[in-house]
Amino acid sequence: MNIIDFISRNIFLKQIFPNGLTESVLLGQIGLNVGGQLSLNIHTQQKPEQEVSKWGLWGKNYNVIVIRLLGLGGENVIINGCKKINYGKINVIKGDDRTFITQTGDEWFIEIDVDHLIFQGCDTYIDGGDDPAL
């Protein structure tokens, strides 16, 4: 399952990514709060199919889109190799009573159980790679 299909209030996301997030993403921020609330920011370098005028031009004004989400879950969270986490394929695995978001790299692994994710908005930025001036 593509993660956009799992997100509530996803109309805007489906407009800019009609085929879903098909490229690698970065789970940039994972926040856990009491009561099972969680926040998740997904960073993607996938160019949107539809330009958003207030963001400017892809490649000039931004080359990363951050999808901000709030949700419920986080009862079981596994993060291994935290300092080595990078862009990778994201998987949504629906079980009988739980849904898991997983992501795996050569030396890292993330698994989060989630009940529900709600789209909050997007931010953009230029990823300068190894150039700290960007």
C-alpha atoms as a PDB file:
ATOM      1  CA  MET A   1       0.000   0.000   0.000  1.00  0.00           C
ATOM      2  CA  ASN A   2       1.253   3.465  -0.819  1.00  0.00           C
ATOM      3  CA  ILE A   3       1.449   5.616   2.292  1.00  0.00           C
ATOM      4  CA  ILE A   4      -0.633   8.412   0.715  1.00  0.00           C
ATOM      5  CA  ASP A   5      -3.583   5.999   0.537  1.00  0.00           C
ATOM      6  CA  PHE A   6      -3.273   5.409   4.298  1.00  0.00           C
ATOM      7  CA  ILE A   7      -3.332   9.144   5.140  1.00  0.00           C
ATOM      8  CA  SER A   8      -6.648  10.902   5.882  1.00  0.00           C
ATOM      9  CA  ARG A   9      -7.380  14.304   4.287  1.00  0.00           C
ATOM     10  CA  ASN A  10      -5.048  13.351   1.425  1.00  0.00           C
ATOM     11  CA  ILE A  11      -6.760  15.201  -1.462  1.00  0.00           C
ATOM     12  CA  PHE A  12      -3.907  17.702  -1.886  1.00  0.00           C
ATOM     13  CA  LEU A  13      -1.291  14.942  -1.681  1.00  0.00           C
ATOM     14  CA  LYS A  14      -3.103  12.963  -4.389  1.00  0.00           C
ATOM     15  CA  GLN A  15      -3.110  16.066  -6.598  1.00  0.00           C
ATOM     16  CA  ILE A  16       0.638  16.598  -6.398  1.00  0.00           C
ATOM     17  CA  PHE A  17       1.528  12.877  -6.237  1.00  0.00           C
ATOM     18  CA  PRO A  18      -1.262  11.110  -8.204  1.00  0.00           C
ATOM     19  CA  ASN A  19       0.759   7.878  -8.380  1.00  0.00           C
ATOM     20  CA  GLY A  20       1.737   8.090  -4.706  1.00  0.00           C
ATOM     21  CA  LEU A  21       5.214   8.423  -3.275  1.00  0.00           C
ATOM     22  CA  THR A  22       7.119   6.233  -5.705  1.00  0.00           C
ATOM     23  CA  GLU A  23      10.630   7.388  -4.808  1.00  0.00           C
ATOM     24  CA  SER A  24      12.650   7.048  -1.605  1.00  0.00           C
ATOM     25  CA  VAL A  25      11.626   9.144   1.389  1.00  0.00           C
ATOM     26  CA  LEU A  26      13.196  10.118   4.700  1.00  0.00           C
ATOM     27  CA  LEU A  27      11.321   9.799   7.983  1.00  0.00           C
ATOM     28  CA  GLY A  28      12.903  13.024   9.166  1.00  0.00           C
ATOM     29  CA  GLN A  29      11.099  13.521  12.457  1.00  0.00           C
ATOM     30  CA  ILE A  30       9.179  11.043  14.571  1.00  0.00           C
ATOM     31  CA  GLY A  31       7.457  12.419  17.658  1.00  0.00           C
ATOM     32  CA  LEU A  32       5.747  10.354  20.346  1.00  0.00           C
ATOM     33  CA  ASN A  33       3.367  11.908  22.851  1.00  0.00           C
ATOM     34  CA  VAL A  34       1.432  10.526  25.798  1.00  0.00           C
ATOM     35  CA  GLY A  35      -1.905   8.971  24.989  1.00  0.00           C
ATOM     36  CA  GLY A  36      -0.689   7.338  21.784  1.00  0.00           C
ATOM     37  CA  GLN A  37      -0.419  10.522  19.741  1.00  0.00           C
ATOM     38  CA  LEU A  38       2.399  10.730  17.229  1.00  0.00           C
ATOM     39  CA  SER A  39       3.777  13.145  14.676  1.00  0.00           C
ATOM     40  CA  LEU A  40       5.651  12.138  11.576  1.00  0.00           C
ATOM     41  CA  ASN A  41       7.406  14.256   8.959  1.00  0.00           C
ATOM     42  CA  ILE A  42       8.122  12.566   5.653  1.00  0.00           C
ATOM     43  CA  HIS A  43      10.759  14.231   3.458  1.00  0.00           C
ATOM     44  CA  THR A  44      10.617  13.463  -0.263  1.00  0.00           C
ATOM     45  CA  GLN A  45      12.800  14.557  -3.161  1.00  0.00           C
ATOM     46  CA  GLN A  46      10.137  13.394  -5.601  1.00  0.00           C
ATOM     47  CA  LYS A  47       9.146  16.198  -7.960  1.00  0.00           C
ATOM     48  CA  PRO A  48       5.421  16.941  -7.694  1.00  0.00           C
ATOM     49  CA  GLU A  49       3.306  16.278 -10.791  1.00  0.00           C
ATOM     50  CA  GLN A  50       1.582  19.621 -10.257  1.00  0.00           C
ATOM     51  CA  GLU A  51       3.535  22.757  -9.344  1.00  0.00           C
ATOM     52  CA  VAL A  52       2.378  24.717  -6.294  1.00  0.00           C
ATOM     53  CA  SER A  53       2.866  28.425  -7.024  1.00  0.00           C
ATOM     54  CA  LYS A  54       3.535  29.514  -3.433  1.00  0.00           C
ATOM     55  CA  TRP A  55       6.456  27.055  -3.262  1.00  0.00           C
ATOM     56  CA  GLY A  56       8.221  28.531  -6.287  1.00  0.00           C
ATOM     57  CA  LEU A  57      10.040  26.430  -8.875  1.00  0.00           C
ATOM     58  CA  TRP A  58      11.247  22.875  -8.322  1.00  0.00           C
ATOM     59  CA  GLY A  59      15.034  22.746  -8.304  1.00  0.00           C
ATOM     60  CA  LYS A  60      15.372  26.504  -7.842  1.00  0.00           C
ATOM     61  CA  ASN A  61      13.325  27.391  -4.751  1.00  0.00           C
ATOM     62  CA  TYR A  62      12.970  23.883  -3.317  1.00  0.00           C
ATOM     63  CA  ASN A  63      13.934  20.288  -3.996  1.00  0.00           C
ATOM     64  CA  VAL A  64      12.485  18.618  -0.907  1.00  0.00           C
ATOM     65  CA  ILE A  65       8.872  18.508   0.237  1.00  0.00           C
ATOM     66  CA  VAL A  66       8.128  17.735   3.886  1.00  0.00           C
ATOM     67  CA  ILE A  67       4.746  16.113   4.467  1.00  0.00           C
ATOM     68  CA  ARG A  68       3.640  16.829   8.044  1.00  0.00           C
ATOM     69  CA  LEU A  69       1.362  14.245   9.657  1.00  0.00           C
ATOM     70  CA  LEU A  70      -0.323  13.726  13.019  1.00  0.00           C
ATOM     71  CA  GLY A  71      -1.816  10.466  14.103  1.00  0.00           C
ATOM     72  CA  LEU A  72      -2.490   7.808  16.647  1.00  0.00           C
ATOM     73  CA  GLY A  73      -0.372   4.775  17.396  1.00  0.00           C
ATOM     74  CA  GLY A  74       3.220   4.470  18.438  1.00  0.00           C
ATOM     75  CA  GLU A  75       2.525   1.698  20.901  1.00  0.00           C
ATOM     76  CA  ASN A  76       5.370  -0.281  19.354  1.00  0.00           C
ATOM     77  CA  VAL A  77       8.318   1.625  17.888  1.00  0.00           C
ATOM     78  CA  ILE A  78      11.616   0.083  16.828  1.00  0.00           C
ATOM     79  CA  ILE A  79      14.479   2.263  15.602  1.00  0.00           C
ATOM     80  CA  ASN A  80      17.901   0.722  15.027  1.00  0.00           C
ATOM     81  CA  GLY A  81      20.918   2.640  13.720  1.00  0.00           C
ATOM     82  CA  CYS A  82      19.325   6.052  14.295  1.00  0.00           C
ATOM     83  CA  LYS A  83      22.400   8.050  13.243  1.00  0.00           C
ATOM     84  CA  LYS A  84      22.587   6.234   9.903  1.00  0.00           C
ATOM     85  CA  ILE A  85      18.949   6.682   8.811  1.00  0.00           C
ATOM     86  CA  ASN A  86      18.657   8.010   5.278  1.00  0.00           C
ATOM     87  CA  TYR A  87      16.281   8.050   2.323  1.00  0.00           C
ATOM     88  CA  GLY A  88      14.711   4.688   1.547  1.00  0.00           C
ATOM     89  CA  LYS A  89      11.553   2.931   0.427  1.00  0.00           C
ATOM     90  CA  ILE A  90       8.680   3.227   2.882  1.00  0.00           C
ATOM     91  CA  ASN A  91       6.312   0.312   3.396  1.00  0.00           C
ATOM     92  CA  VAL A  92       2.811   0.268   4.860  1.00  0.00           C
ATOM     93  CA  ILE A  93       1.923  -3.196   6.113  1.00  0.00           C
ATOM     94  CA  LYS A  94      -1.694  -3.754   7.171  1.00  0.00           C
ATOM     95  CA  GLY A  95      -2.243  -6.597   9.600  1.00  0.00           C
ATOM     96  CA  ASP A  96      -5.438  -7.910  11.158  1.00  0.00           C
ATOM     97  CA  ASP A  97      -5.446  -5.440  14.031  1.00  0.00           C
ATOM     98  CA  ARG A  98      -2.440  -3.168  13.364  1.00  0.00           C
ATOM     99  CA  THR A  99      -0.790  -1.228  10.600  1.00  0.00           C
ATOM    100  CA  PHE A 100       2.975  -0.802  10.516  1.00  0.00           C
ATOM    101  CA  ILE A 101       5.130   1.725   8.706  1.00  0.00           C
ATOM    102  CA  THR A 102       8.554   0.241   8.046  1.00  0.00           C
ATOM    103  CA  GLN A 103      11.717   1.438   6.400  1.00  0.00           C
ATOM    104  CA  THR A 104      15.029  -0.394   6.069  1.00  0.00           C
ATOM    105  CA  GLY A 105      18.546   0.561   5.026  1.00  0.00           C
ATOM    106  CA  ASP A 106      21.878  -1.254   5.052  1.00  0.00           C
ATOM    107  CA  GLU A 107      22.617  -0.367   8.683  1.00  0.00           C
ATOM    108  CA  TRP A 108      19.291   0.935   9.992  1.00  0.00           C
ATOM    109  CA  PHE A 109      15.660  -0.047  10.495  1.00  0.00           C
ATOM    110  CA  ILE A 110      12.435   1.735  11.515  1.00  0.00           C
ATOM    111  CA  GLU A 111       9.115   0.140  12.441  1.00  0.00           C
ATOM    112  CA  ILE A 112       6.177   2.103  13.872  1.00  0.00           C
ATOM    113  CA  ASP A 113       2.675   0.821  14.503  1.00  0.00           C
ATOM    114  CA  VAL A 114       0.075   3.402  13.524  1.00  0.00           C
ATOM    115  CA  ASP A 115      -3.689   3.440  13.823  1.00  0.00           C
ATOM    116  CA  HIS A 116      -4.341   6.571  11.829  1.00  0.00           C
ATOM    117  CA  LEU A 117      -2.445   9.404  10.079  1.00  0.00           C
ATOM    118  CA  ILE A 118      -3.914  12.818   9.222  1.00  0.00           C
ATOM    119  CA  PHE A 119      -2.338  15.226   6.732  1.00  0.00           C
ATOM    120  CA  GLN A 120      -1.458  18.582   8.349  1.00  0.00           C
ATOM    121  CA  GLY A 121       0.414  20.415   5.612  1.00  0.00           C
ATOM    122  CA  CYS A 122       3.666  20.650   3.672  1.00  0.00           C
ATOM    123  CA  ASP A 123       6.894  22.584   3.964  1.00  0.00           C
ATOM    124  CA  THR A 124       9.657  22.848   1.382  1.00  0.00           C
ATOM    125  CA  TYR A 125      13.383  23.471   1.412  1.00  0.00           C
ATOM    126  CA  ILE A 126      16.551  23.182  -0.661  1.00  0.00           C
ATOM    127  CA  ASP A 127      18.697  20.218   0.320  1.00  0.00           C
ATOM    128  CA  GLY A 128      22.265  21.353  -0.183  1.00  0.00           C
ATOM    129  CA  GLY A 129      23.700  17.876   0.294  1.00  0.00           C
ATOM    130  CA  ASP A 130      27.171  18.197   1.781  1.00  0.00           C
ATOM    131  CA  ASP A 131      27.236  21.988   1.280  1.00  0.00           C
ATOM    132  CA  PRO A 132      26.280  23.520   4.665  1.00  0.00           C
ATOM    133  CA  ALA A 133      25.792  26.944   3.052  1.00  0.00           C
ATOM    134  CA  LEU A 134      22.629  25.644   1.394  1.00  0.00           C
END
